[in-house]
Amino acid sequence: MARAAEVYEQDPHSNRAEMILDAFLGTQRPIELLNLRQFERTKRPERVLWKAREKGEEKIGGAIPNAVLHEGDIMLLSGAGKGGKSFLTIAIAEAAARRISEEERGVPTPAWEEPDEPVQVERETCGLGVRAGPVVIVAYEDKPYWLVERTKALPGAKNEIPENLHIWPMPGPLFVPEGRGSTGTFKRTGEWNPLWKAIRRIKPSLVILDPGTYAVDGIGTSDAGPIRRFMRELSAEAEIAKAGIILVVHDTKAHRKKPDHEEPDAEAVAGSAAWQDSARGILHLARRTDPEAKEKGCRILRCFKASYAKDGWKVNLKEVADYA
């Protein structure tokens, strides 16, 4: 009992205490069935990432119809190694994390004051729209120096680092097996709660785990059960923080052999189908293989899953630096 109380005191948003109580008492929590009507006035989660609206394209029901990520949800960005995934996430992060200007805010506000009401600002980069706000990059591979170099190389960065771009450099795993040689039981590591407390303090628009699969350790990327649980707990944290999460992942070798004109399918994400099933949106980034496009360093970004919007759209991109 004391252990459950201690966990709850550390993080009242976590259901970890309830799970410990269940295990300690050998009981299950009662299930409460809710009437759907009580959610009628629940505010729709804000969109975080979407395909930029083309000329003449109108909003539908207050939302752009091809949003691929909303707050509280997880999106996968897949592709081959050296395909530009990390560079694309940095471009998205840089666009989102710039300080909101007076022009964007609409009402002059001194730099040392915060507005009375949060301002919803939308920006565009790489053919995508992104909700402005602080961004956190959990950088499992890239060291801070290279993140600085890549960020400054972006055309819109003006050789500066946005003040609202934060990183956790060289982090440890977040989800591991329970005990040595254990099978079937898994737990958050000691870094999970401190990380999410730090994230909630800055009220981010977006959290990026690159690569996302590094957050799970000692668990095969094809193990469906623990992957689903990891994704559920990650989504719960995103909902509390009111942020969208991007997990950077690899595609399969089989998918890389397919021609450009073929749409992404299940082979566009390596590992268990639980990754794809649990994510609410999936973007796939690939090099264009036709001779002219390949010579120009072109990429093609396709959306092949958007649970709450239109999918099937694509964006053509071109290299702007040698860091992709």
C-alpha atoms as a PDB file:
ATOM      1  CA  MET A   1       0.000   0.000   0.000  1.00  0.00           C
ATOM      2  CA  ALA A   2       2.791   2.387   0.919  1.00  0.00           C
ATOM      3  CA  ARG A   3       4.470   1.787  -2.448  1.00  0.00           C
ATOM      4  CA  ALA A   4       1.245   2.635  -4.306  1.00  0.00           C
ATOM      5  CA  ALA A   5       0.815   5.828  -2.298  1.00  0.00           C
ATOM      6  CA  GLU A   6       4.431   6.782  -2.994  1.00  0.00           C
ATOM      7  CA  VAL A   7       4.011   6.293  -6.760  1.00  0.00           C
ATOM      8  CA  TYR A   8       0.782   8.253  -6.822  1.00  0.00           C
ATOM      9  CA  GLU A   9       2.357  11.118  -4.879  1.00  0.00           C
ATOM     10  CA  GLN A  10       5.213  11.232  -7.387  1.00  0.00           C
ATOM     11  CA  ASP A  11       2.891  11.350 -10.374  1.00  0.00           C
ATOM     12  CA  PRO A  12      -0.867  11.686  -9.726  1.00  0.00           C
ATOM     13  CA  HIS A  13      -1.535  11.484 -13.480  1.00  0.00           C
ATOM     14  CA  SER A  14      -0.110   7.960 -13.666  1.00  0.00           C
ATOM     15  CA  ASN A  15      -2.188   4.817 -13.436  1.00  0.00           C
ATOM     16  CA  ARG A  16       0.908   3.003 -12.153  1.00  0.00           C
ATOM     17  CA  ALA A  17      -0.332   3.203  -8.544  1.00  0.00           C
ATOM     18  CA  GLU A  18      -3.599   1.556  -9.498  1.00  0.00           C
ATOM     19  CA  MET A  19      -1.745  -1.227 -11.309  1.00  0.00           C
ATOM     20  CA  ILE A  20       0.451  -1.826  -8.249  1.00  0.00           C
ATOM     21  CA  LEU A  21      -2.655  -2.001  -6.037  1.00  0.00           C
ATOM     22  CA  ASP A  22      -4.237  -4.519  -8.411  1.00  0.00           C
ATOM     23  CA  ALA A  23      -1.141  -6.711  -8.274  1.00  0.00           C
ATOM     24  CA  PHE A  24      -0.841  -6.371  -4.466  1.00  0.00           C
ATOM     25  CA  LEU A  25      -4.471  -7.150  -3.727  1.00  0.00           C
ATOM     26  CA  GLY A  26      -4.887  -9.688  -6.499  1.00  0.00           C
ATOM     27  CA  THR A  27      -8.044  -7.924  -7.600  1.00  0.00           C
ATOM     28  CA  GLN A  28      -9.327  -6.076 -10.623  1.00  0.00           C
ATOM     29  CA  ARG A  29     -10.738  -2.565 -10.668  1.00  0.00           C
ATOM     30  CA  PRO A  30     -14.494  -2.376 -11.230  1.00  0.00           C
ATOM     31  CA  ILE A  31     -15.500  -1.316 -14.723  1.00  0.00           C
ATOM     32  CA  GLU A  32     -17.661   1.767 -15.023  1.00  0.00           C
ATOM     33  CA  LEU A  33     -19.692   2.073 -18.216  1.00  0.00           C
ATOM     34  CA  LEU A  34     -20.161   5.661 -19.347  1.00  0.00           C
ATOM     35  CA  ASN A  35     -22.974   7.168 -21.354  1.00  0.00           C
ATOM     36  CA  LEU A  36     -21.633   8.633 -24.594  1.00  0.00           C
ATOM     37  CA  ARG A  37     -23.848  11.724 -24.169  1.00  0.00           C
ATOM     38  CA  GLN A  38     -21.680  13.021 -21.355  1.00  0.00           C
ATOM     39  CA  PHE A  39     -18.909  13.604 -23.925  1.00  0.00           C
ATOM     40  CA  GLU A  40     -21.045  15.708 -26.278  1.00  0.00           C
ATOM     41  CA  ARG A  41     -19.490  18.963 -25.085  1.00  0.00           C
ATOM     42  CA  THR A  42     -15.951  17.649 -24.878  1.00  0.00           C
ATOM     43  CA  LYS A  43     -13.601  19.898 -26.820  1.00  0.00           C
ATOM     44  CA  ARG A  44     -12.182  18.345 -29.956  1.00  0.00           C
ATOM     45  CA  PRO A  45      -8.396  17.800 -29.645  1.00  0.00           C
ATOM     46  CA  GLU A  46      -6.484  20.426 -31.609  1.00  0.00           C
ATOM     47  CA  ARG A  47      -4.605  19.406 -34.722  1.00  0.00           C
ATOM     48  CA  VAL A  48      -0.832  19.466 -34.451  1.00  0.00           C
ATOM     49  CA  LEU A  49       0.348  18.391 -37.930  1.00  0.00           C
ATOM     50  CA  TRP A  50      -1.425  18.325 -41.283  1.00  0.00           C
ATOM     51  CA  LYS A  51      -0.922  18.729 -45.004  1.00  0.00           C
ATOM     52  CA  ALA A  52      -0.639  22.423 -45.794  1.00  0.00           C
ATOM     53  CA  ARG A  53      -3.771  23.710 -47.460  1.00  0.00           C
ATOM     54  CA  GLU A  54      -3.357  24.212 -51.169  1.00  0.00           C
ATOM     55  CA  LYS A  55      -4.734  27.188 -53.020  1.00  0.00           C
ATOM     56  CA  GLY A  56      -8.522  27.068 -53.089  1.00  0.00           C
ATOM     57  CA  GLU A  57      -8.745  24.265 -50.525  1.00  0.00           C
ATOM     58  CA  GLU A  58     -11.219  25.099 -47.770  1.00  0.00           C
ATOM     59  CA  LYS A  59     -11.507  24.082 -44.145  1.00  0.00           C
ATOM     60  CA  ILE A  60     -14.177  21.513 -43.366  1.00  0.00           C
ATOM     61  CA  GLY A  61     -15.959  21.674 -40.017  1.00  0.00           C
ATOM     62  CA  GLY A  62     -13.290  23.925 -38.558  1.00  0.00           C
ATOM     63  CA  ALA A  63     -10.480  21.476 -39.312  1.00  0.00           C
ATOM     64  CA  ILE A  64      -8.245  20.861 -42.274  1.00  0.00           C
ATOM     65  CA  PRO A  65      -9.449  17.512 -43.672  1.00  0.00           C
ATOM     66  CA  ASN A  66      -5.992  15.975 -43.981  1.00  0.00           C
ATOM     67  CA  ALA A  67      -4.638  16.354 -40.431  1.00  0.00           C
ATOM     68  CA  VAL A  68      -2.354  13.437 -39.529  1.00  0.00           C
ATOM     69  CA  LEU A  69      -1.652  14.254 -35.860  1.00  0.00           C
ATOM     70  CA  HIS A  70      -3.803  15.691 -33.063  1.00  0.00           C
ATOM     71  CA  GLU A  71      -2.918  16.465 -29.453  1.00  0.00           C
ATOM     72  CA  GLY A  72      -3.016  13.348 -27.302  1.00  0.00           C
ATOM     73  CA  ASP A  73      -2.158  11.101 -30.251  1.00  0.00           C
ATOM     74  CA  ILE A  74       0.919   9.386 -31.703  1.00  0.00           C
ATOM     75  CA  MET A  75       2.138   9.566 -35.305  1.00  0.00           C
ATOM     76  CA  LEU A  76       4.834   7.435 -36.925  1.00  0.00           C
ATOM     77  CA  LEU A  77       7.303   8.874 -39.426  1.00  0.00           C
ATOM     78  CA  SER A  78       8.889   5.947 -41.239  1.00  0.00           C
ATOM     79  CA  GLY A  79      11.500   5.555 -43.936  1.00  0.00           C
ATOM     80  CA  ALA A  80      14.897   4.127 -44.768  1.00  0.00           C
ATOM     81  CA  GLY A  81      18.108   5.099 -43.011  1.00  0.00           C
ATOM     82  CA  LYS A  82      19.662   8.275 -44.428  1.00  0.00           C
ATOM     83  CA  GLY A  83      16.336   9.054 -46.037  1.00  0.00           C
ATOM     84  CA  GLY A  84      15.867  12.418 -44.324  1.00  0.00           C
ATOM     85  CA  LYS A  85      13.488  11.504 -41.479  1.00  0.00           C
ATOM     86  CA  SER A  86      15.468  13.246 -38.728  1.00  0.00           C
ATOM     87  CA  PHE A  87      16.024  16.318 -40.885  1.00  0.00           C
ATOM     88  CA  LEU A  88      12.294  16.522 -41.593  1.00  0.00           C
ATOM     89  CA  THR A  89      11.425  16.317 -37.884  1.00  0.00           C
ATOM     90  CA  ILE A  90      13.940  19.090 -37.148  1.00  0.00           C
ATOM     91  CA  ALA A  91      12.348  21.242 -39.847  1.00  0.00           C
ATOM     92  CA  ILE A  92       8.915  20.662 -38.273  1.00  0.00           C
ATOM     93  CA  ALA A  93      10.292  21.360 -34.789  1.00  0.00           C
ATOM     94  CA  GLU A  94      12.046  24.567 -35.868  1.00  0.00           C
ATOM     95  CA  ALA A  95       8.903  25.933 -37.515  1.00  0.00           C
ATOM     96  CA  ALA A  96       6.761  25.161 -34.469  1.00  0.00           C
ATOM     97  CA  ALA A  97       9.203  26.404 -31.834  1.00  0.00           C
ATOM     98  CA  ARG A  98       9.840  29.925 -33.108  1.00  0.00           C
ATOM     99  CA  ARG A  99       8.609  32.587 -30.697  1.00  0.00           C
ATOM    100  CA  ILE A 100       5.107  33.797 -31.525  1.00  0.00           C
ATOM    101  CA  SER A 101       5.439  37.297 -32.921  1.00  0.00           C
ATOM    102  CA  GLU A 102       3.161  40.257 -32.209  1.00  0.00           C
ATOM    103  CA  GLU A 103       1.899  40.018 -35.758  1.00  0.00           C
ATOM    104  CA  GLU A 104       0.967  36.372 -35.281  1.00  0.00           C
ATOM    105  CA  ARG A 105      -0.511  37.061 -31.868  1.00  0.00           C
ATOM    106  CA  GLY A 106      -2.636  39.877 -33.210  1.00  0.00           C
ATOM    107  CA  VAL A 107      -2.318  41.901 -29.976  1.00  0.00           C
ATOM    108  CA  PRO A 108       0.985  43.519 -28.897  1.00  0.00           C
ATOM    109  CA  THR A 109       2.352  41.789 -25.792  1.00  0.00           C
ATOM    110  CA  PRO A 110       5.603  42.742 -24.019  1.00  0.00           C
ATOM    111  CA  ALA A 111       8.284  40.074 -24.307  1.00  0.00           C
ATOM    112  CA  TRP A 112       8.335  39.566 -20.513  1.00  0.00           C
ATOM    113  CA  GLU A 113       4.586  38.906 -20.269  1.00  0.00           C
ATOM    114  CA  GLU A 114       2.454  36.001 -21.332  1.00  0.00           C
ATOM    115  CA  PRO A 115      -0.928  36.619 -22.995  1.00  0.00           C
ATOM    116  CA  ASP A 116      -4.069  36.127 -20.897  1.00  0.00           C
ATOM    117  CA  GLU A 117      -5.309  33.480 -23.317  1.00  0.00           C
ATOM    118  CA  PRO A 118      -3.183  31.021 -25.313  1.00  0.00           C
ATOM    119  CA  VAL A 119      -2.873  31.982 -28.947  1.00  0.00           C
ATOM    120  CA  GLN A 120      -3.427  29.352 -31.625  1.00  0.00           C
ATOM    121  CA  VAL A 121      -0.806  29.973 -34.310  1.00  0.00           C
ATOM    122  CA  GLU A 122      -0.263  27.772 -37.344  1.00  0.00           C
ATOM    123  CA  ARG A 123       2.856  27.678 -39.508  1.00  0.00           C
ATOM    124  CA  GLU A 124       3.957  25.838 -42.633  1.00  0.00           C
ATOM    125  CA  THR A 125       7.117  23.923 -43.533  1.00  0.00           C
ATOM    126  CA  CYS A 126       7.960  21.161 -46.007  1.00  0.00           C
ATOM    127  CA  GLY A 127       4.407  21.139 -47.360  1.00  0.00           C
ATOM    128  CA  LEU A 128       3.000  20.565 -43.868  1.00  0.00           C
ATOM    129  CA  GLY A 129       1.105  22.726 -41.409  1.00  0.00           C
ATOM    130  CA  VAL A 130       2.182  22.613 -37.763  1.00  0.00           C
ATOM    131  CA  ARG A 131       0.742  24.088 -34.570  1.00  0.00           C
ATOM    132  CA  ALA A 132       3.179  26.586 -33.068  1.00  0.00           C
ATOM    133  CA  GLY A 133       4.461  25.975 -29.562  1.00  0.00           C
ATOM    134  CA  PRO A 134       7.380  24.509 -27.603  1.00  0.00           C
ATOM    135  CA  VAL A 135       8.907  21.292 -28.950  1.00  0.00           C
ATOM    136  CA  VAL A 136      10.835  18.549 -27.140  1.00  0.00           C
ATOM    137  CA  ILE A 137      13.194  16.217 -29.026  1.00  0.00           C
ATOM    138  CA  VAL A 138      14.173  13.040 -27.189  1.00  0.00           C
ATOM    139  CA  ALA A 139      17.359  12.499 -29.198  1.00  0.00           C
ATOM    140  CA  TYR A 140      18.550   8.908 -28.978  1.00  0.00           C
ATOM    141  CA  GLU A 141      21.094   9.162 -31.797  1.00  0.00           C
ATOM    142  CA  ASP A 142      21.959  12.769 -32.679  1.00  0.00           C
ATOM    143  CA  LYS A 143      24.193  14.667 -30.280  1.00  0.00           C
ATOM    144  CA  PRO A 144      23.356  18.322 -29.530  1.00  0.00           C
ATOM    145  CA  TYR A 145      26.086  19.673 -31.833  1.00  0.00           C
ATOM    146  CA  TRP A 146      24.564  17.975 -34.886  1.00  0.00           C
ATOM    147  CA  LEU A 147      21.070  19.117 -33.937  1.00  0.00           C
ATOM    148  CA  VAL A 148      22.381  22.690 -33.811  1.00  0.00           C
ATOM    149  CA  GLU A 149      24.041  22.321 -37.213  1.00  0.00           C
ATOM    150  CA  ARG A 150      20.942  20.842 -38.842  1.00  0.00           C
ATOM    151  CA  THR A 151      18.609  23.414 -37.318  1.00  0.00           C
ATOM    152  CA  LYS A 152      20.716  26.356 -38.450  1.00  0.00           C
ATOM    153  CA  ALA A 153      20.925  24.878 -41.972  1.00  0.00           C
ATOM    154  CA  LEU A 154      17.169  25.262 -42.459  1.00  0.00           C
ATOM    155  CA  PRO A 155      16.121  28.104 -44.782  1.00  0.00           C
ATOM    156  CA  GLY A 156      13.609  29.550 -42.306  1.00  0.00           C
ATOM    157  CA  ALA A 157      15.923  29.387 -39.284  1.00  0.00           C
ATOM    158  CA  LYS A 158      18.042  32.426 -40.248  1.00  0.00           C
ATOM    159  CA  ASN A 159      21.040  30.733 -38.612  1.00  0.00           C
ATOM    160  CA  GLU A 160      19.325  30.848 -35.210  1.00  0.00           C
ATOM    161  CA  ILE A 161      17.986  28.292 -32.737  1.00  0.00           C
ATOM    162  CA  PRO A 162      14.350  28.865 -31.699  1.00  0.00           C
ATOM    163  CA  GLU A 163      13.986  29.701 -28.014  1.00  0.00           C
ATOM    164  CA  ASN A 164      11.228  27.092 -27.539  1.00  0.00           C
ATOM    165  CA  LEU A 165      13.156  24.112 -28.946  1.00  0.00           C
ATOM    166  CA  HIS A 166      14.232  21.727 -26.158  1.00  0.00           C
ATOM    167  CA  ILE A 167      16.150  18.450 -26.223  1.00  0.00           C
ATOM    168  CA  TRP A 168      16.873  15.543 -23.925  1.00  0.00           C
ATOM    169  CA  PRO A 169      20.256  14.433 -25.287  1.00  0.00           C
ATOM    170  CA  MET A 170      21.415  10.811 -25.190  1.00  0.00           C
ATOM    171  CA  PRO A 171      18.517   9.551 -23.046  1.00  0.00           C
ATOM    172  CA  GLY A 172      18.028   6.108 -21.591  1.00  0.00           C
ATOM    173  CA  PRO A 173      15.205   3.673 -22.416  1.00  0.00           C
ATOM    174  CA  LEU A 174      11.717   4.396 -21.125  1.00  0.00           C
ATOM    175  CA  PHE A 175      10.129   0.940 -21.176  1.00  0.00           C
ATOM    176  CA  VAL A 176      11.867  -2.329 -20.192  1.00  0.00           C
ATOM    177  CA  PRO A 177      11.124  -5.911 -19.070  1.00  0.00           C
ATOM    178  CA  GLU A 178      10.314  -6.334 -15.385  1.00  0.00           C
ATOM    179  CA  GLY A 179      13.282  -8.230 -13.923  1.00  0.00           C
ATOM    180  CA  ARG A 180      16.132 -10.073 -15.584  1.00  0.00           C
ATOM    181  CA  GLY A 181      15.044 -12.619 -18.150  1.00  0.00           C
ATOM    182  CA  SER A 182      11.416 -11.761 -17.526  1.00  0.00           C
ATOM    183  CA  THR A 183       8.862 -12.454 -20.221  1.00  0.00           C
ATOM    184  CA  GLY A 184       5.390 -11.014 -20.406  1.00  0.00           C
ATOM    185  CA  THR A 185       5.757  -8.266 -17.784  1.00  0.00           C
ATOM    186  CA  PHE A 186       7.095  -4.806 -18.526  1.00  0.00           C
ATOM    187  CA  LYS A 187       7.483  -1.510 -16.748  1.00  0.00           C
ATOM    188  CA  ARG A 188       8.403   2.133 -17.145  1.00  0.00           C
ATOM    189  CA  THR A 189      11.986   2.959 -16.259  1.00  0.00           C
ATOM    190  CA  GLY A 190      12.927   5.444 -13.552  1.00  0.00           C
ATOM    191  CA  GLU A 191      13.334   8.126 -16.224  1.00  0.00           C
ATOM    192  CA  TRP A 192       9.713   7.989 -17.434  1.00  0.00           C
ATOM    193  CA  ASN A 193       8.016  10.120 -14.768  1.00  0.00           C
ATOM    194  CA  PRO A 194      10.797  12.760 -14.472  1.00  0.00           C
ATOM    195  CA  LEU A 195      10.803  13.148 -18.249  1.00  0.00           C
ATOM    196  CA  TRP A 196       7.055  13.690 -18.520  1.00  0.00           C
ATOM    197  CA  LYS A 197       7.011  16.059 -15.550  1.00  0.00           C
ATOM    198  CA  ALA A 198       9.672  18.137 -17.303  1.00  0.00           C
ATOM    199  CA  ILE A 199       7.705  17.985 -20.554  1.00  0.00           C
ATOM    200  CA  ARG A 200       4.455  19.092 -18.909  1.00  0.00           C
ATOM    201  CA  ARG A 201       6.188  22.093 -17.370  1.00  0.00           C
ATOM    202  CA  ILE A 202       6.984  23.615 -20.768  1.00  0.00           C
ATOM    203  CA  LYS A 203       3.519  22.843 -22.226  1.00  0.00           C
ATOM    204  CA  PRO A 204       4.746  21.564 -25.594  1.00  0.00           C
ATOM    205  CA  SER A 205       2.877  21.411 -28.855  1.00  0.00           C
ATOM    206  CA  LEU A 206       4.987  18.504 -30.049  1.00  0.00           C
ATOM    207  CA  VAL A 207       7.240  15.766 -28.624  1.00  0.00           C
ATOM    208  CA  ILE A 208       9.578  13.842 -30.952  1.00  0.00           C
ATOM    209  CA  LEU A 209      11.254  10.519 -30.083  1.00  0.00           C
ATOM    210  CA  ASP A 210      14.023   9.802 -32.592  1.00  0.00           C
ATOM    211  CA  PRO A 211      14.213   6.897 -33.077  1.00  0.00           C
ATOM    212  CA  GLY A 212      11.087   5.905 -31.220  1.00  0.00           C
ATOM    213  CA  THR A 213      12.007   2.212 -31.069  1.00  0.00           C
ATOM    214  CA  TYR A 214      15.022   3.052 -28.867  1.00  0.00           C
ATOM    215  CA  ALA A 215      12.625   4.000 -26.078  1.00  0.00           C
ATOM    216  CA  VAL A 216      11.872   0.300 -25.548  1.00  0.00           C
ATOM    217  CA  ASP A 217      14.815  -1.831 -24.446  1.00  0.00           C
ATOM    218  CA  GLY A 218      15.019  -5.588 -24.038  1.00  0.00           C
ATOM    219  CA  ILE A 219      11.742  -5.873 -25.928  1.00  0.00           C
ATOM    220  CA  GLY A 220      11.649  -7.084 -29.512  1.00  0.00           C
ATOM    221  CA  THR A 221      10.146  -4.546 -31.898  1.00  0.00           C
ATOM    222  CA  SER A 222       7.898  -7.397 -33.084  1.00  0.00           C
ATOM    223  CA  ASP A 223       6.497  -8.149 -29.606  1.00  0.00           C
ATOM    224  CA  ALA A 224       2.921  -6.946 -29.989  1.00  0.00           C
ATOM    225  CA  GLY A 225       1.823  -7.032 -26.335  1.00  0.00           C
ATOM    226  CA  PRO A 226       4.479  -4.787 -24.777  1.00  0.00           C
ATOM    227  CA  ILE A 227       4.485  -2.485 -27.810  1.00  0.00           C
ATOM    228  CA  ARG A 228       0.718  -1.903 -27.428  1.00  0.00           C
ATOM    229  CA  ARG A 229       1.108  -1.196 -23.725  1.00  0.00           C
ATOM    230  CA  PHE A 230       4.005   1.198 -24.367  1.00  0.00           C
ATOM    231  CA  MET A 231       1.965   3.042 -26.987  1.00  0.00           C
ATOM    232  CA  ARG A 232      -1.099   3.252 -24.697  1.00  0.00           C
ATOM    233  CA  GLU A 233       0.921   4.724 -21.853  1.00  0.00           C
ATOM    234  CA  LEU A 234       2.689   7.112 -24.225  1.00  0.00           C
ATOM    235  CA  SER A 235      -0.644   8.270 -25.632  1.00  0.00           C
ATOM    236  CA  ALA A 236      -1.985   8.853 -22.108  1.00  0.00           C
ATOM    237  CA  GLU A 237       0.988  11.092 -21.313  1.00  0.00           C
ATOM    238  CA  ALA A 238       0.450  12.979 -24.572  1.00  0.00           C
ATOM    239  CA  GLU A 239      -3.182  13.587 -23.643  1.00  0.00           C
ATOM    240  CA  ILE A 240      -2.235  14.963 -20.231  1.00  0.00           C
ATOM    241  CA  ALA A 241       0.411  17.214 -21.800  1.00  0.00           C
ATOM    242  CA  LYS A 242      -1.952  18.195 -24.665  1.00  0.00           C
ATOM    243  CA  ALA A 243       0.851  17.439 -27.105  1.00  0.00           C
ATOM    244  CA  GLY A 244       1.210  15.406 -30.256  1.00  0.00           C
ATOM    245  CA  ILE A 245       3.950  12.746 -30.385  1.00  0.00           C
ATOM    246  CA  ILE A 246       6.057  11.786 -33.405  1.00  0.00           C
ATOM    247  CA  LEU A 247       7.918   8.472 -33.267  1.00  0.00           C
ATOM    248  CA  VAL A 248      10.620   8.143 -35.922  1.00  0.00           C
ATOM    249  CA  VAL A 249      10.855   4.517 -37.138  1.00  0.00           C
ATOM    250  CA  HIS A 250      12.359   2.476 -39.969  1.00  0.00           C
ATOM    251  CA  ASP A 251      10.554   0.869 -42.873  1.00  0.00           C
ATOM    252  CA  THR A 252      11.335  -2.642 -44.201  1.00  0.00           C
ATOM    253  CA  LYS A 253      13.838  -3.650 -46.881  1.00  0.00           C
ATOM    254  CA  ALA A 254      10.965  -5.158 -48.859  1.00  0.00           C
ATOM    255  CA  HIS A 255       9.195  -1.809 -49.000  1.00  0.00           C
ATOM    256  CA  ARG A 256      12.310  -0.013 -50.258  1.00  0.00           C
ATOM    257  CA  LYS A 257      12.346  -2.214 -53.348  1.00  0.00           C
ATOM    258  CA  LYS A 258       8.906  -1.012 -54.433  1.00  0.00           C
ATOM    259  CA  PRO A 259       8.591   1.643 -57.162  1.00  0.00           C
ATOM    260  CA  ASP A 260       7.678   5.240 -56.296  1.00  0.00           C
ATOM    261  CA  HIS A 261       4.171   5.021 -57.703  1.00  0.00           C
ATOM    262  CA  GLU A 262       3.108   2.259 -55.286  1.00  0.00           C
ATOM    263  CA  GLU A 263       1.328   3.458 -52.166  1.00  0.00           C
ATOM    264  CA  PRO A 264       2.819   2.568 -48.736  1.00  0.00           C
ATOM    265  CA  ASP A 265       1.418  -0.536 -47.053  1.00  0.00           C
ATOM    266  CA  ALA A 266       2.080  -2.626 -43.959  1.00  0.00           C
ATOM    267  CA  GLU A 267       5.730  -3.036 -44.997  1.00  0.00           C
ATOM    268  CA  ALA A 268       6.258   0.718 -44.627  1.00  0.00           C
ATOM    269  CA  VAL A 269       6.856   0.223 -40.875  1.00  0.00           C
ATOM    270  CA  ALA A 270       9.306  -2.382 -39.589  1.00  0.00           C
ATOM    271  CA  GLY A 271       8.482  -4.608 -36.627  1.00  0.00           C
ATOM    272  CA  SER A 272       5.170  -5.556 -35.089  1.00  0.00           C
ATOM    273  CA  ALA A 273       1.869  -4.460 -36.612  1.00  0.00           C
ATOM    274  CA  ALA A 274       1.143  -3.099 -33.113  1.00  0.00           C
ATOM    275  CA  TRP A 275       3.209   0.001 -33.996  1.00  0.00           C
ATOM    276  CA  GLN A 276       0.903   0.788 -36.901  1.00  0.00           C
ATOM    277  CA  ASP A 277      -2.299  -0.254 -35.143  1.00  0.00           C
ATOM    278  CA  SER A 278      -1.591   1.933 -32.103  1.00  0.00           C
ATOM    279  CA  ALA A 279      -0.559   5.058 -34.032  1.00  0.00           C
ATOM    280  CA  ARG A 280      -3.335   7.396 -35.194  1.00  0.00           C
ATOM    281  CA  GLY A 281      -1.318   8.661 -38.152  1.00  0.00           C
ATOM    282  CA  ILE A 282       1.579   7.439 -40.313  1.00  0.00           C
ATOM    283  CA  LEU A 283       3.775   9.344 -42.752  1.00  0.00           C
ATOM    284  CA  HIS A 284       6.347   7.610 -44.957  1.00  0.00           C
ATOM    285  CA  LEU A 285       9.356   9.431 -46.411  1.00  0.00           C
ATOM    286  CA  ALA A 286      11.273   7.964 -49.358  1.00  0.00           C
ATOM    287  CA  ARG A 287      13.785   9.027 -51.968  1.00  0.00           C
ATOM    288  CA  ARG A 288      12.420   9.518 -55.455  1.00  0.00           C
ATOM    289  CA  THR A 289      14.060   6.862 -57.629  1.00  0.00           C
ATOM    290  CA  ASP A 290      13.344   8.256 -61.103  1.00  0.00           C
ATOM    291  CA  PRO A 291      16.651   9.568 -62.579  1.00  0.00           C
ATOM    292  CA  GLU A 292      15.776  13.261 -62.718  1.00  0.00           C
ATOM    293  CA  ALA A 293      14.331  13.395 -59.201  1.00  0.00           C
ATOM    294  CA  LYS A 294      17.175  11.333 -57.729  1.00  0.00           C
ATOM    295  CA  GLU A 295      19.736  13.724 -59.235  1.00  0.00           C
ATOM    296  CA  LYS A 296      17.957  16.685 -57.631  1.00  0.00           C
ATOM    297  CA  GLY A 297      17.788  15.025 -54.202  1.00  0.00           C
ATOM    298  CA  CYS A 298      13.999  14.779 -54.180  1.00  0.00           C
ATOM    299  CA  ARG A 299      11.915  12.991 -51.575  1.00  0.00           C
ATOM    300  CA  ILE A 300       8.283  11.990 -51.523  1.00  0.00           C
ATOM    301  CA  LEU A 301       6.285  12.167 -48.279  1.00  0.00           C
ATOM    302  CA  ARG A 302       3.111  10.086 -48.218  1.00  0.00           C
ATOM    303  CA  CYS A 303       0.345   9.801 -45.652  1.00  0.00           C
ATOM    304  CA  PHE A 304      -1.021   6.276 -45.565  1.00  0.00           C
ATOM    305  CA  LYS A 305      -2.887   6.473 -42.256  1.00  0.00           C
ATOM    306  CA  ALA A 306      -4.874   9.306 -40.696  1.00  0.00           C
ATOM    307  CA  SER A 307      -7.480   7.884 -38.335  1.00  0.00           C
ATOM    308  CA  TYR A 308      -9.524  11.082 -38.008  1.00  0.00           C
ATOM    309  CA  ALA A 309      -9.016  12.694 -41.400  1.00  0.00           C
ATOM    310  CA  LYS A 310      -8.287  12.102 -45.045  1.00  0.00           C
ATOM    311  CA  ASP A 311      -5.219  10.019 -45.925  1.00  0.00           C
ATOM    312  CA  GLY A 312      -3.582   9.077 -49.216  1.00  0.00           C
ATOM    313  CA  TRP A 313      -2.101  12.535 -49.816  1.00  0.00           C
ATOM    314  CA  LYS A 314       1.522  13.180 -50.705  1.00  0.00           C
ATOM    315  CA  VAL A 315       4.072  16.003 -50.759  1.00  0.00           C
ATOM    316  CA  ASN A 316       7.190  16.266 -52.940  1.00  0.00           C
ATOM    317  CA  LEU A 317      10.262  17.621 -51.139  1.00  0.00           C
ATOM    318  CA  LYS A 318      13.737  18.677 -52.189  1.00  0.00           C
ATOM    319  CA  GLU A 319      16.995  18.675 -50.224  1.00  0.00           C
ATOM    320  CA  VAL A 320      18.044  22.091 -48.943  1.00  0.00           C
ATOM    321  CA  ALA A 321      21.286  20.985 -47.229  1.00  0.00           C
ATOM    322  CA  ASP A 322      23.731  18.092 -47.036  1.00  0.00           C
ATOM    323  CA  TYR A 323      22.572  17.083 -43.558  1.00  0.00           C
ATOM    324  CA  ALA A 324      19.490  15.096 -44.656  1.00  0.00           C
END
